[in-house]
Amino acid sequence: MLYINCPHCGMRSQNEFSYGGDASVKRPLLNKEVSDQEWDDFVYNRKSLRGKHLELWHHISGCRQWIKVERDTSTHEIFRTFKADEEVV
């Protein structure tokens, strides 16, 4: 089991969270015309990355906030967590 350090609530079990996907994927701009290919790329065409990766997680059984988690997808080691609006450098 993973333990995730929520920046709002502290250390919690992964059972309190829901995985939200790749945090580096950018949604197409609102009110901008996008092609079918651009939309398909956003929704479906993703690489399955191995190694250190930035992800979104939703703390559904806690503060209900979205957070960013830097995690290794091969080992599941969690390096750092951030509030959703924090810039990661």
C-alpha atoms as a PDB file:
ATOM      1  CA  MET A   1       0.000   0.000   0.000  1.00  0.00           C
ATOM      2  CA  LEU A   2       1.147   3.533  -0.762  1.00  0.00           C
ATOM      3  CA  TYR A   3       1.083   6.347   1.740  1.00  0.00           C
ATOM      4  CA  ILE A   4       0.648   9.822   0.272  1.00  0.00           C
ATOM      5  CA  ASN A   5       1.584  12.976   2.156  1.00  0.00           C
ATOM      6  CA  CYS A   6      -1.346  15.300   1.400  1.00  0.00           C
ATOM      7  CA  PRO A   7      -0.089  18.913   1.586  1.00  0.00           C
ATOM      8  CA  HIS A   8      -3.396  19.829   3.253  1.00  0.00           C
ATOM      9  CA  CYS A   9      -3.959  16.874   5.654  1.00  0.00           C
ATOM     10  CA  GLY A  10      -0.644  15.083   6.151  1.00  0.00           C
ATOM     11  CA  MET A  11       0.244  11.419   5.600  1.00  0.00           C
ATOM     12  CA  ARG A  12      -2.705   9.280   4.470  1.00  0.00           C
ATOM     13  CA  SER A  13      -3.332   5.845   2.952  1.00  0.00           C
ATOM     14  CA  GLN A  14      -3.716   5.641  -0.831  1.00  0.00           C
ATOM     15  CA  ASN A  15      -7.225   4.268  -0.170  1.00  0.00           C
ATOM     16  CA  GLU A  16      -8.311   7.852   0.561  1.00  0.00           C
ATOM     17  CA  PHE A  17      -7.221   9.013  -2.908  1.00  0.00           C
ATOM     18  CA  SER A  18      -8.288   8.554  -6.495  1.00  0.00           C
ATOM     19  CA  TYR A  19      -5.691   8.632  -9.282  1.00  0.00           C
ATOM     20  CA  GLY A  20      -6.305  11.515 -11.675  1.00  0.00           C
ATOM     21  CA  GLY A  21      -3.745  10.931 -14.425  1.00  0.00           C
ATOM     22  CA  ASP A  22      -0.673  12.605 -15.822  1.00  0.00           C
ATOM     23  CA  ALA A  23      -0.200  16.104 -14.364  1.00  0.00           C
ATOM     24  CA  SER A  24       1.840  17.272 -17.355  1.00  0.00           C
ATOM     25  CA  VAL A  25      -0.982  16.864 -19.915  1.00  0.00           C
ATOM     26  CA  LYS A  26      -2.435  20.230 -20.944  1.00  0.00           C
ATOM     27  CA  ARG A  27      -6.135  20.458 -21.761  1.00  0.00           C
ATOM     28  CA  PRO A  28      -7.008  22.344 -24.978  1.00  0.00           C
ATOM     29  CA  LEU A  29      -7.992  25.954 -24.316  1.00  0.00           C
ATOM     30  CA  LEU A  30     -11.668  26.659 -23.691  1.00  0.00           C
ATOM     31  CA  ASN A  31     -13.618  28.326 -26.513  1.00  0.00           C
ATOM     32  CA  LYS A  32     -10.886  27.408 -29.009  1.00  0.00           C
ATOM     33  CA  GLU A  33     -11.660  25.244 -32.001  1.00  0.00           C
ATOM     34  CA  VAL A  34      -9.645  22.004 -31.906  1.00  0.00           C
ATOM     35  CA  SER A  35      -9.344  19.328 -34.544  1.00  0.00           C
ATOM     36  CA  ASP A  36     -10.533  15.776 -33.983  1.00  0.00           C
ATOM     37  CA  GLN A  37      -6.883  14.669 -33.986  1.00  0.00           C
ATOM     38  CA  GLU A  38      -5.953  17.214 -31.264  1.00  0.00           C
ATOM     39  CA  TRP A  39      -8.880  16.049 -29.131  1.00  0.00           C
ATOM     40  CA  ASP A  40      -8.010  12.361 -29.686  1.00  0.00           C
ATOM     41  CA  ASP A  41      -4.416  13.099 -28.682  1.00  0.00           C
ATOM     42  CA  PHE A  42      -5.603  14.818 -25.480  1.00  0.00           C
ATOM     43  CA  VAL A  43      -8.081  12.100 -24.486  1.00  0.00           C
ATOM     44  CA  TYR A  44      -6.603   8.846 -25.778  1.00  0.00           C
ATOM     45  CA  ASN A  45      -3.102   9.060 -27.202  1.00  0.00           C
ATOM     46  CA  ARG A  46      -0.816   9.025 -24.187  1.00  0.00           C
ATOM     47  CA  LYS A  47       2.507   7.370 -23.557  1.00  0.00           C
ATOM     48  CA  SER A  48       2.737   4.942 -20.665  1.00  0.00           C
ATOM     49  CA  LEU A  49       5.747   6.432 -18.953  1.00  0.00           C
ATOM     50  CA  ARG A  50       8.127   4.410 -16.818  1.00  0.00           C
ATOM     51  CA  GLY A  51      10.106   6.073 -14.065  1.00  0.00           C
ATOM     52  CA  LYS A  52       9.757   9.395 -12.258  1.00  0.00           C
ATOM     53  CA  HIS A  53       6.492  11.036 -13.207  1.00  0.00           C
ATOM     54  CA  LEU A  54       4.213  13.871 -12.034  1.00  0.00           C
ATOM     55  CA  GLU A  55       0.618  12.766 -11.384  1.00  0.00           C
ATOM     56  CA  LEU A  56      -2.670  14.229 -10.197  1.00  0.00           C
ATOM     57  CA  TRP A  57      -4.448  12.621  -7.230  1.00  0.00           C
ATOM     58  CA  HIS A  58      -7.802  13.578  -5.705  1.00  0.00           C
ATOM     59  CA  HIS A  59      -8.123  13.275  -1.911  1.00  0.00           C
ATOM     60  CA  ILE A  60     -11.683  11.960  -2.069  1.00  0.00           C
ATOM     61  CA  SER A  61     -11.943  10.693   1.527  1.00  0.00           C
ATOM     62  CA  GLY A  62     -10.221  13.654   3.103  1.00  0.00           C
ATOM     63  CA  CYS A  63      -9.979  17.328   2.196  1.00  0.00           C
ATOM     64  CA  ARG A  64     -11.379  16.719  -1.340  1.00  0.00           C
ATOM     65  CA  GLN A  65      -8.485  18.704  -2.832  1.00  0.00           C
ATOM     66  CA  TRP A  66      -6.508  17.815  -5.954  1.00  0.00           C
ATOM     67  CA  ILE A  67      -2.763  17.409  -5.387  1.00  0.00           C
ATOM     68  CA  LYS A  68       0.306  16.675  -7.507  1.00  0.00           C
ATOM     69  CA  VAL A  69       2.434  13.651  -6.632  1.00  0.00           C
ATOM     70  CA  GLU A  70       5.918  12.994  -7.977  1.00  0.00           C
ATOM     71  CA  ARG A  71       6.132   9.181  -8.128  1.00  0.00           C
ATOM     72  CA  ASP A  72       8.205   6.501  -9.801  1.00  0.00           C
ATOM     73  CA  THR A  73       5.798   4.378 -11.850  1.00  0.00           C
ATOM     74  CA  SER A  74       8.171   1.382 -11.740  1.00  0.00           C
ATOM     75  CA  THR A  75       8.820   1.219  -7.990  1.00  0.00           C
ATOM     76  CA  HIS A  76       5.833   3.279  -6.724  1.00  0.00           C
ATOM     77  CA  GLU A  77       8.242   5.353  -4.611  1.00  0.00           C
ATOM     78  CA  ILE A  78       6.779   8.785  -3.838  1.00  0.00           C
ATOM     79  CA  PHE A  79       9.350  11.583  -3.840  1.00  0.00           C
ATOM     80  CA  ARG A  80       7.314  14.746  -3.200  1.00  0.00           C
ATOM     81  CA  THR A  81       3.762  16.071  -3.104  1.00  0.00           C
ATOM     82  CA  PHE A  82       2.453  19.537  -3.969  1.00  0.00           C
ATOM     83  CA  LYS A  83      -0.746  21.537  -3.847  1.00  0.00           C
ATOM     84  CA  ALA A  84      -2.429  21.459  -7.260  1.00  0.00           C
ATOM     85  CA  ASP A  85      -1.675  25.117  -7.975  1.00  0.00           C
ATOM     86  CA  GLU A  86       2.009  24.907  -6.973  1.00  0.00           C
ATOM     87  CA  GLU A  87       4.626  25.160  -9.696  1.00  0.00           C
ATOM     88  CA  VAL A  88       6.937  22.144  -9.714  1.00  0.00           C
ATOM     89  CA  VAL A  89      10.589  22.794 -10.495  1.00  0.00           C
END
